[in-house]
Amino acid sequence: MSLGLRQREHVSLAFTLIQLLVVIALIAIVALLSLPALTDALNKREMTRTMNNARQLYLAGFHMATDGIAKSDANAAWPGDYAATNLAEYCSKLVQYDYLKIAELQQILSAPGSICTVTSSAGPPLTMILAGKSALKVYKATRSDSSETIFAASSNYIYDTPLSPTAEPFRDNGFIVIRKSGDGGVYRKDRATPTGYGNDPVRFQSELGKLPGAINGTVVPGDGATVLAGPQ
């Protein structure tokens, strides 16, 4: 093999290696630039899934409360219409009355970063035992509360309070609300307080929701007393 041919082969190999490194660098740059968009898409997917779970929980609660009124059964009611103080008690009613199955309930109450395990104690009556962290919290909405009253929200949301970057699920990427009317949705973090509604508390209550028993136009941060206690 001539010296000139060997030199050309070395040059060709060098160019091939450089081209490979350039392609790898470009792929890494594209991946780095697309990572925020991918993360955002995954977060939205999980929040949409949790919203659908919250709506399923709402439908079970709505049907139970509606049937309770029709049958004059005080044990089949909205969360705030009987002496349930925690989420496990309310969920026990939904399962006892066959509006949800245990496996469905565990799926509904779980999301990335918030895994809730649902088991049952020996009955009768059948009693649900919740462990871990629920992805949803249920508010003590009553029969007399308006349709704007919040029925459920993702557990990273505290009423009229900015989202925390460490709160699970979803941290400060957004939150979910389902109202007593059955409507709701996925909300950006800037919609967590009246600031996102032009500092108008009436608009905030109308578009996002009201706490059970709240007065129109009066918004107070926090929701601890109006939420069924979740698993610890």
C-alpha atoms as a PDB file:
ATOM      1  CA  MET A   1       0.000   0.000   0.000  1.00  0.00           C
ATOM      2  CA  SER A   2       1.413   3.365  -0.949  1.00  0.00           C
ATOM      3  CA  LEU A   3       2.130   6.094   1.592  1.00  0.00           C
ATOM      4  CA  GLY A   4      -0.437   8.394  -0.050  1.00  0.00           C
ATOM      5  CA  LEU A   5      -3.199   5.782   0.238  1.00  0.00           C
ATOM      6  CA  ARG A   6      -2.463   5.148   3.927  1.00  0.00           C
ATOM      7  CA  GLN A   7      -2.562   8.896   4.604  1.00  0.00           C
ATOM      8  CA  ARG A   8      -5.898   9.218   2.854  1.00  0.00           C
ATOM      9  CA  GLU A   9      -7.301   6.332   4.959  1.00  0.00           C
ATOM     10  CA  HIS A  10      -6.109   8.015   8.178  1.00  0.00           C
ATOM     11  CA  VAL A  11      -7.677  11.293   7.108  1.00  0.00           C
ATOM     12  CA  SER A  12     -10.953   9.517   6.204  1.00  0.00           C
ATOM     13  CA  LEU A  13     -11.020   7.721   9.591  1.00  0.00           C
ATOM     14  CA  ALA A  14     -10.354  10.991  11.411  1.00  0.00           C
ATOM     15  CA  PHE A  15     -13.217  12.693   9.623  1.00  0.00           C
ATOM     16  CA  THR A  16     -15.519   9.753  10.440  1.00  0.00           C
ATOM     17  CA  LEU A  17     -14.702   9.988  14.169  1.00  0.00           C
ATOM     18  CA  ILE A  18     -15.211  13.766  14.158  1.00  0.00           C
ATOM     19  CA  GLN A  19     -18.537  13.367  12.376  1.00  0.00           C
ATOM     20  CA  LEU A  20     -19.628  10.749  14.924  1.00  0.00           C
ATOM     21  CA  LEU A  21     -18.699  13.019  17.810  1.00  0.00           C
ATOM     22  CA  VAL A  22     -20.583  15.914  16.203  1.00  0.00           C
ATOM     23  CA  VAL A  23     -23.708  13.751  15.803  1.00  0.00           C
ATOM     24  CA  ILE A  24     -23.490  12.581  19.435  1.00  0.00           C
ATOM     25  CA  ALA A  25     -23.073  16.192  20.605  1.00  0.00           C
ATOM     26  CA  LEU A  26     -26.080  17.306  18.547  1.00  0.00           C
ATOM     27  CA  ILE A  27     -28.207  14.478  19.945  1.00  0.00           C
ATOM     28  CA  ALA A  28     -27.192  15.432  23.491  1.00  0.00           C
ATOM     29  CA  ILE A  29     -28.068  19.095  22.868  1.00  0.00           C
ATOM     30  CA  VAL A  30     -31.459  18.211  21.369  1.00  0.00           C
ATOM     31  CA  ALA A  31     -32.195  15.860  24.287  1.00  0.00           C
ATOM     32  CA  LEU A  32     -31.212  18.555  26.784  1.00  0.00           C
ATOM     33  CA  LEU A  33     -33.392  21.166  25.085  1.00  0.00           C
ATOM     34  CA  SER A  34     -36.380  18.803  24.814  1.00  0.00           C
ATOM     35  CA  LEU A  35     -36.175  17.558  28.418  1.00  0.00           C
ATOM     36  CA  PRO A  36     -38.293  20.397  29.921  1.00  0.00           C
ATOM     37  CA  ALA A  37     -40.973  19.884  27.276  1.00  0.00           C
ATOM     38  CA  LEU A  38     -40.951  16.122  27.849  1.00  0.00           C
ATOM     39  CA  THR A  39     -41.160  16.568  31.610  1.00  0.00           C
ATOM     40  CA  ASP A  40     -44.014  19.029  31.198  1.00  0.00           C
ATOM     41  CA  ALA A  41     -45.881  16.600  28.926  1.00  0.00           C
ATOM     42  CA  LEU A  42     -45.458  13.759  31.427  1.00  0.00           C
ATOM     43  CA  ASN A  43     -46.672  15.970  34.277  1.00  0.00           C
ATOM     44  CA  LYS A  44     -49.741  16.987  32.277  1.00  0.00           C
ATOM     45  CA  ARG A  45     -50.477  13.364  31.447  1.00  0.00           C
ATOM     46  CA  GLU A  46     -50.306  12.333  35.088  1.00  0.00           C
ATOM     47  CA  MET A  47     -52.414  15.297  36.206  1.00  0.00           C
ATOM     48  CA  THR A  48     -55.029  14.500  33.563  1.00  0.00           C
ATOM     49  CA  ARG A  49     -55.106  10.901  34.759  1.00  0.00           C
ATOM     50  CA  THR A  50     -55.531  12.053  38.365  1.00  0.00           C
ATOM     51  CA  MET A  51     -58.298  14.448  37.295  1.00  0.00           C
ATOM     52  CA  ASN A  52     -60.122  11.524  35.682  1.00  0.00           C
ATOM     53  CA  ASN A  53     -59.653   9.530  38.889  1.00  0.00           C
ATOM     54  CA  ALA A  54     -61.032  12.439  40.907  1.00  0.00           C
ATOM     55  CA  ARG A  55     -64.058  12.599  38.620  1.00  0.00           C
ATOM     56  CA  GLN A  56     -64.619   8.864  39.101  1.00  0.00           C
ATOM     57  CA  LEU A  57     -64.501   9.378  42.867  1.00  0.00           C
ATOM     58  CA  TYR A  58     -66.939  12.268  42.515  1.00  0.00           C
ATOM     59  CA  LEU A  59     -69.376  10.206  40.425  1.00  0.00           C
ATOM     60  CA  ALA A  60     -69.363   7.466  43.049  1.00  0.00           C
ATOM     61  CA  GLY A  61     -70.013  10.051  45.775  1.00  0.00           C
ATOM     62  CA  PHE A  62     -72.703  11.791  43.729  1.00  0.00           C
ATOM     63  CA  HIS A  63     -74.589   8.580  43.027  1.00  0.00           C
ATOM     64  CA  MET A  64     -74.368   7.496  46.649  1.00  0.00           C
ATOM     65  CA  ALA A  65     -75.668  10.852  47.898  1.00  0.00           C
ATOM     66  CA  THR A  66     -78.446  10.930  45.292  1.00  0.00           C
ATOM     67  CA  ASP A  67     -79.547   7.399  46.115  1.00  0.00           C
ATOM     68  CA  GLY A  68     -79.359   8.223  49.827  1.00  0.00           C
ATOM     69  CA  ILE A  69     -81.790  11.107  49.364  1.00  0.00           C
ATOM     70  CA  ALA A  70     -84.147   8.945  47.299  1.00  0.00           C
ATOM     71  CA  LYS A  71     -84.070   6.128  49.866  1.00  0.00           C
ATOM     72  CA  SER A  72     -83.924   8.387  52.967  1.00  0.00           C
ATOM     73  CA  ASP A  73     -80.685   6.674  53.951  1.00  0.00           C
ATOM     74  CA  ALA A  74     -78.609   9.052  56.066  1.00  0.00           C
ATOM     75  CA  ASN A  75     -75.553   6.796  55.755  1.00  0.00           C
ATOM     76  CA  ALA A  76     -75.421   7.362  51.998  1.00  0.00           C
ATOM     77  CA  ALA A  77     -74.681  11.053  51.799  1.00  0.00           C
ATOM     78  CA  TRP A  78     -72.266  13.770  50.779  1.00  0.00           C
ATOM     79  CA  PRO A  79     -69.004  13.712  52.791  1.00  0.00           C
ATOM     80  CA  GLY A  80     -70.059  16.543  55.109  1.00  0.00           C
ATOM     81  CA  ASP A  81     -73.576  15.273  55.807  1.00  0.00           C
ATOM     82  CA  TYR A  82     -72.637  12.614  58.346  1.00  0.00           C
ATOM     83  CA  ALA A  83     -70.101  12.200  61.083  1.00  0.00           C
ATOM     84  CA  ALA A  84     -67.217  11.000  58.928  1.00  0.00           C
ATOM     85  CA  THR A  85     -64.015  12.685  60.039  1.00  0.00           C
ATOM     86  CA  ASN A  86     -61.491  10.952  57.799  1.00  0.00           C
ATOM     87  CA  LEU A  87     -61.144   9.742  54.247  1.00  0.00           C
ATOM     88  CA  ALA A  88     -61.086   6.063  55.208  1.00  0.00           C
ATOM     89  CA  GLU A  89     -64.573   6.323  56.770  1.00  0.00           C
ATOM     90  CA  TYR A  90     -66.005   7.972  53.680  1.00  0.00           C
ATOM     91  CA  CYS A  91     -64.342   5.462  51.353  1.00  0.00           C
ATOM     92  CA  SER A  92     -65.750   2.652  53.483  1.00  0.00           C
ATOM     93  CA  LYS A  93     -69.259   3.913  52.688  1.00  0.00           C
ATOM     94  CA  LEU A  94     -68.511   3.989  48.965  1.00  0.00           C
ATOM     95  CA  VAL A  95     -67.299   0.381  49.058  1.00  0.00           C
ATOM     96  CA  GLN A  96     -69.991  -0.867  51.457  1.00  0.00           C
ATOM     97  CA  TYR A  97     -72.692   0.498  49.151  1.00  0.00           C
ATOM     98  CA  ASP A  98     -70.881  -0.952  46.116  1.00  0.00           C
ATOM     99  CA  TYR A  99     -70.214   2.347  44.350  1.00  0.00           C
ATOM    100  CA  LEU A 100     -66.513   1.489  44.169  1.00  0.00           C
ATOM    101  CA  LYS A 101     -64.386  -1.629  44.422  1.00  0.00           C
ATOM    102  CA  ILE A 102     -61.293  -1.790  46.624  1.00  0.00           C
ATOM    103  CA  ALA A 103     -58.971  -2.103  43.607  1.00  0.00           C
ATOM    104  CA  GLU A 104     -60.641   0.887  41.936  1.00  0.00           C
ATOM    105  CA  LEU A 105     -60.288   2.942  45.100  1.00  0.00           C
ATOM    106  CA  GLN A 106     -56.574   2.222  45.375  1.00  0.00           C
ATOM    107  CA  GLN A 107     -56.043   3.293  41.764  1.00  0.00           C
ATOM    108  CA  ILE A 108     -58.112   6.453  42.252  1.00  0.00           C
ATOM    109  CA  LEU A 109     -56.214   7.557  45.360  1.00  0.00           C
ATOM    110  CA  SER A 110     -52.734   6.979  43.923  1.00  0.00           C
ATOM    111  CA  ALA A 111     -50.468   9.052  41.685  1.00  0.00           C
ATOM    112  CA  PRO A 112     -46.685   9.379  41.189  1.00  0.00           C
ATOM    113  CA  GLY A 113     -45.206  10.389  44.533  1.00  0.00           C
ATOM    114  CA  SER A 114     -48.451   9.616  46.371  1.00  0.00           C
ATOM    115  CA  ILE A 115     -49.146   5.910  46.625  1.00  0.00           C
ATOM    116  CA  CYS A 116     -52.165   4.969  48.726  1.00  0.00           C
ATOM    117  CA  THR A 117     -52.654   1.341  49.740  1.00  0.00           C
ATOM    118  CA  VAL A 118     -56.237   0.253  50.395  1.00  0.00           C
ATOM    119  CA  THR A 119     -57.119  -2.830  52.421  1.00  0.00           C
ATOM    120  CA  SER A 120     -60.229  -3.869  54.308  1.00  0.00           C
ATOM    121  CA  SER A 121     -60.845  -5.117  57.802  1.00  0.00           C
ATOM    122  CA  ALA A 122     -63.088  -8.048  58.591  1.00  0.00           C
ATOM    123  CA  GLY A 123     -66.757  -7.122  58.519  1.00  0.00           C
ATOM    124  CA  PRO A 124     -69.527  -6.614  58.644  1.00  0.00           C
ATOM    125  CA  PRO A 125     -69.450  -3.736  58.213  1.00  0.00           C
ATOM    126  CA  LEU A 126     -66.631  -3.661  55.708  1.00  0.00           C
ATOM    127  CA  THR A 127     -64.131  -0.978  56.724  1.00  0.00           C
ATOM    128  CA  MET A 128     -61.417   0.478  54.517  1.00  0.00           C
ATOM    129  CA  ILE A 129     -57.896   0.958  55.846  1.00  0.00           C
ATOM    130  CA  LEU A 130     -55.795   3.526  53.967  1.00  0.00           C
ATOM    131  CA  ALA A 131     -52.015   3.639  54.224  1.00  0.00           C
ATOM    132  CA  GLY A 132     -49.345   5.720  52.545  1.00  0.00           C
ATOM    133  CA  LYS A 133     -50.324   9.062  51.026  1.00  0.00           C
ATOM    134  CA  SER A 134     -53.501   9.794  49.117  1.00  0.00           C
ATOM    135  CA  ALA A 135     -53.108  11.724  45.866  1.00  0.00           C
ATOM    136  CA  LEU A 136     -56.563  13.224  46.440  1.00  0.00           C
ATOM    137  CA  LYS A 137     -58.283  14.876  49.338  1.00  0.00           C
ATOM    138  CA  VAL A 138     -62.040  15.050  49.774  1.00  0.00           C
ATOM    139  CA  TYR A 139     -63.792  18.100  51.173  1.00  0.00           C
ATOM    140  CA  LYS A 140     -66.713  17.981  53.589  1.00  0.00           C
ATOM    141  CA  ALA A 141     -69.225  19.134  50.997  1.00  0.00           C
ATOM    142  CA  THR A 142     -72.834  18.884  52.139  1.00  0.00           C
ATOM    143  CA  ARG A 143     -76.182  18.578  50.406  1.00  0.00           C
ATOM    144  CA  SER A 144     -76.873  22.264  51.039  1.00  0.00           C
ATOM    145  CA  ASP A 145     -73.564  23.511  49.623  1.00  0.00           C
ATOM    146  CA  SER A 146     -73.676  25.167  46.208  1.00  0.00           C
ATOM    147  CA  SER A 147     -72.462  23.494  43.019  1.00  0.00           C
ATOM    148  CA  GLU A 148     -69.311  25.655  43.148  1.00  0.00           C
ATOM    149  CA  THR A 149     -68.190  23.941  46.349  1.00  0.00           C
ATOM    150  CA  ILE A 150     -65.025  21.873  45.955  1.00  0.00           C
ATOM    151  CA  PHE A 151     -65.599  18.132  46.290  1.00  0.00           C
ATOM    152  CA  ALA A 152     -62.017  16.942  45.773  1.00  0.00           C
ATOM    153  CA  ALA A 153     -58.568  18.295  44.927  1.00  0.00           C
ATOM    154  CA  SER A 154     -55.080  16.935  44.452  1.00  0.00           C
ATOM    155  CA  SER A 155     -53.241  16.716  47.765  1.00  0.00           C
ATOM    156  CA  ASN A 156     -50.542  19.187  46.734  1.00  0.00           C
ATOM    157  CA  TYR A 157     -53.132  21.979  46.816  1.00  0.00           C
ATOM    158  CA  ILE A 158     -54.088  23.933  49.915  1.00  0.00           C
ATOM    159  CA  TYR A 159     -56.896  26.403  49.345  1.00  0.00           C
ATOM    160  CA  ASP A 160     -55.802  29.977  48.586  1.00  0.00           C
ATOM    161  CA  THR A 161     -52.159  29.026  49.127  1.00  0.00           C
ATOM    162  CA  PRO A 162     -49.280  29.032  46.603  1.00  0.00           C
ATOM    163  CA  LEU A 163     -48.172  25.560  45.582  1.00  0.00           C
ATOM    164  CA  SER A 164     -45.113  24.154  47.301  1.00  0.00           C
ATOM    165  CA  PRO A 165     -42.271  22.778  45.140  1.00  0.00           C
ATOM    166  CA  THR A 166     -42.029  19.793  47.521  1.00  0.00           C
ATOM    167  CA  ALA A 167     -45.730  18.908  47.843  1.00  0.00           C
ATOM    168  CA  GLU A 168     -46.802  15.600  46.332  1.00  0.00           C
ATOM    169  CA  PRO A 169     -48.186  14.810  43.922  1.00  0.00           C
ATOM    170  CA  PHE A 170     -47.168  17.248  41.163  1.00  0.00           C
ATOM    171  CA  ARG A 171     -45.299  19.679  43.466  1.00  0.00           C
ATOM    172  CA  ASP A 172     -45.770  23.193  42.011  1.00  0.00           C
ATOM    173  CA  ASN A 173     -46.367  22.015  38.438  1.00  0.00           C
ATOM    174  CA  GLY A 174     -50.134  22.372  38.796  1.00  0.00           C
ATOM    175  CA  PHE A 175     -53.117  20.985  40.666  1.00  0.00           C
ATOM    176  CA  ILE A 176     -56.554  19.431  40.201  1.00  0.00           C
ATOM    177  CA  VAL A 177     -59.988  20.476  41.456  1.00  0.00           C
ATOM    178  CA  ILE A 178     -63.372  18.756  41.036  1.00  0.00           C
ATOM    179  CA  ARG A 179     -66.420  20.701  42.184  1.00  0.00           C
ATOM    180  CA  LYS A 180     -69.742  19.460  43.539  1.00  0.00           C
ATOM    181  CA  SER A 181     -71.272  20.140  40.118  1.00  0.00           C
ATOM    182  CA  GLY A 182     -68.902  17.523  38.670  1.00  0.00           C
ATOM    183  CA  ASP A 183     -66.886  19.954  36.579  1.00  0.00           C
ATOM    184  CA  GLY A 184     -63.293  20.914  37.225  1.00  0.00           C
ATOM    185  CA  GLY A 185     -59.920  20.493  35.623  1.00  0.00           C
ATOM    186  CA  VAL A 186     -56.155  20.789  35.757  1.00  0.00           C
ATOM    187  CA  TYR A 187     -54.954  24.231  36.847  1.00  0.00           C
ATOM    188  CA  ARG A 188     -51.647  26.059  36.555  1.00  0.00           C
ATOM    189  CA  LYS A 189     -49.891  27.100  39.735  1.00  0.00           C
ATOM    190  CA  ASP A 190     -50.774  30.765  39.162  1.00  0.00           C
ATOM    191  CA  ARG A 191     -54.455  29.817  39.587  1.00  0.00           C
ATOM    192  CA  ALA A 192     -53.987  28.607  43.164  1.00  0.00           C
ATOM    193  CA  THR A 193     -54.887  31.958  44.758  1.00  0.00           C
ATOM    194  CA  PRO A 194     -57.119  34.968  43.944  1.00  0.00           C
ATOM    195  CA  THR A 195     -54.021  36.690  42.533  1.00  0.00           C
ATOM    196  CA  GLY A 196     -54.496  34.584  39.409  1.00  0.00           C
ATOM    197  CA  TYR A 197     -58.044  35.903  39.096  1.00  0.00           C
ATOM    198  CA  GLY A 198     -57.317  39.614  39.234  1.00  0.00           C
ATOM    199  CA  ASN A 199     -57.382  39.538  43.064  1.00  0.00           C
ATOM    200  CA  ASP A 200     -61.146  39.067  42.812  1.00  0.00           C
ATOM    201  CA  PRO A 201     -62.341  36.612  45.513  1.00  0.00           C
ATOM    202  CA  VAL A 202     -65.786  36.261  43.941  1.00  0.00           C
ATOM    203  CA  ARG A 203     -64.252  35.304  40.617  1.00  0.00           C
ATOM    204  CA  PHE A 204     -61.831  32.958  42.398  1.00  0.00           C
ATOM    205  CA  GLN A 205     -64.720  31.177  44.116  1.00  0.00           C
ATOM    206  CA  SER A 206     -66.741  31.037  40.916  1.00  0.00           C
ATOM    207  CA  GLU A 207     -64.007  29.787  38.599  1.00  0.00           C
ATOM    208  CA  LEU A 208     -61.973  27.597  40.946  1.00  0.00           C
ATOM    209  CA  GLY A 209     -64.392  26.751  43.758  1.00  0.00           C
ATOM    210  CA  LYS A 210     -65.517  27.498  47.292  1.00  0.00           C
ATOM    211  CA  LEU A 211     -64.829  25.749  50.548  1.00  0.00           C
ATOM    212  CA  PRO A 212     -67.810  23.996  52.163  1.00  0.00           C
ATOM    213  CA  GLY A 213     -69.920  26.536  54.045  1.00  0.00           C
ATOM    214  CA  ALA A 214     -67.931  29.500  52.695  1.00  0.00           C
ATOM    215  CA  ILE A 215     -69.495  32.943  52.415  1.00  0.00           C
ATOM    216  CA  ASN A 216     -69.629  34.462  48.944  1.00  0.00           C
ATOM    217  CA  GLY A 217     -66.751  36.876  48.453  1.00  0.00           C
ATOM    218  CA  THR A 218     -64.870  35.690  51.544  1.00  0.00           C
ATOM    219  CA  VAL A 219     -61.699  33.694  50.902  1.00  0.00           C
ATOM    220  CA  VAL A 220     -59.481  32.466  53.724  1.00  0.00           C
ATOM    221  CA  PRO A 221     -56.210  30.572  53.128  1.00  0.00           C
ATOM    222  CA  GLY A 222     -56.089  26.963  54.308  1.00  0.00           C
ATOM    223  CA  ASP A 223     -58.585  24.129  54.209  1.00  0.00           C
ATOM    224  CA  GLY A 224     -57.674  21.786  57.067  1.00  0.00           C
ATOM    225  CA  ALA A 225     -61.017  21.965  58.875  1.00  0.00           C
ATOM    226  CA  THR A 226     -62.998  21.364  55.690  1.00  0.00           C
ATOM    227  CA  VAL A 227     -61.085  18.284  54.458  1.00  0.00           C
ATOM    228  CA  LEU A 228     -61.506  14.659  55.486  1.00  0.00           C
ATOM    229  CA  ALA A 229     -58.270  13.597  57.180  1.00  0.00           C
ATOM    230  CA  GLY A 230     -56.160  11.402  54.914  1.00  0.00           C
ATOM    231  CA  PRO A 231     -53.929   8.467  55.813  1.00  0.00           C
ATOM    232  CA  GLN A 232     -50.857   9.247  57.889  1.00  0.00           C
END
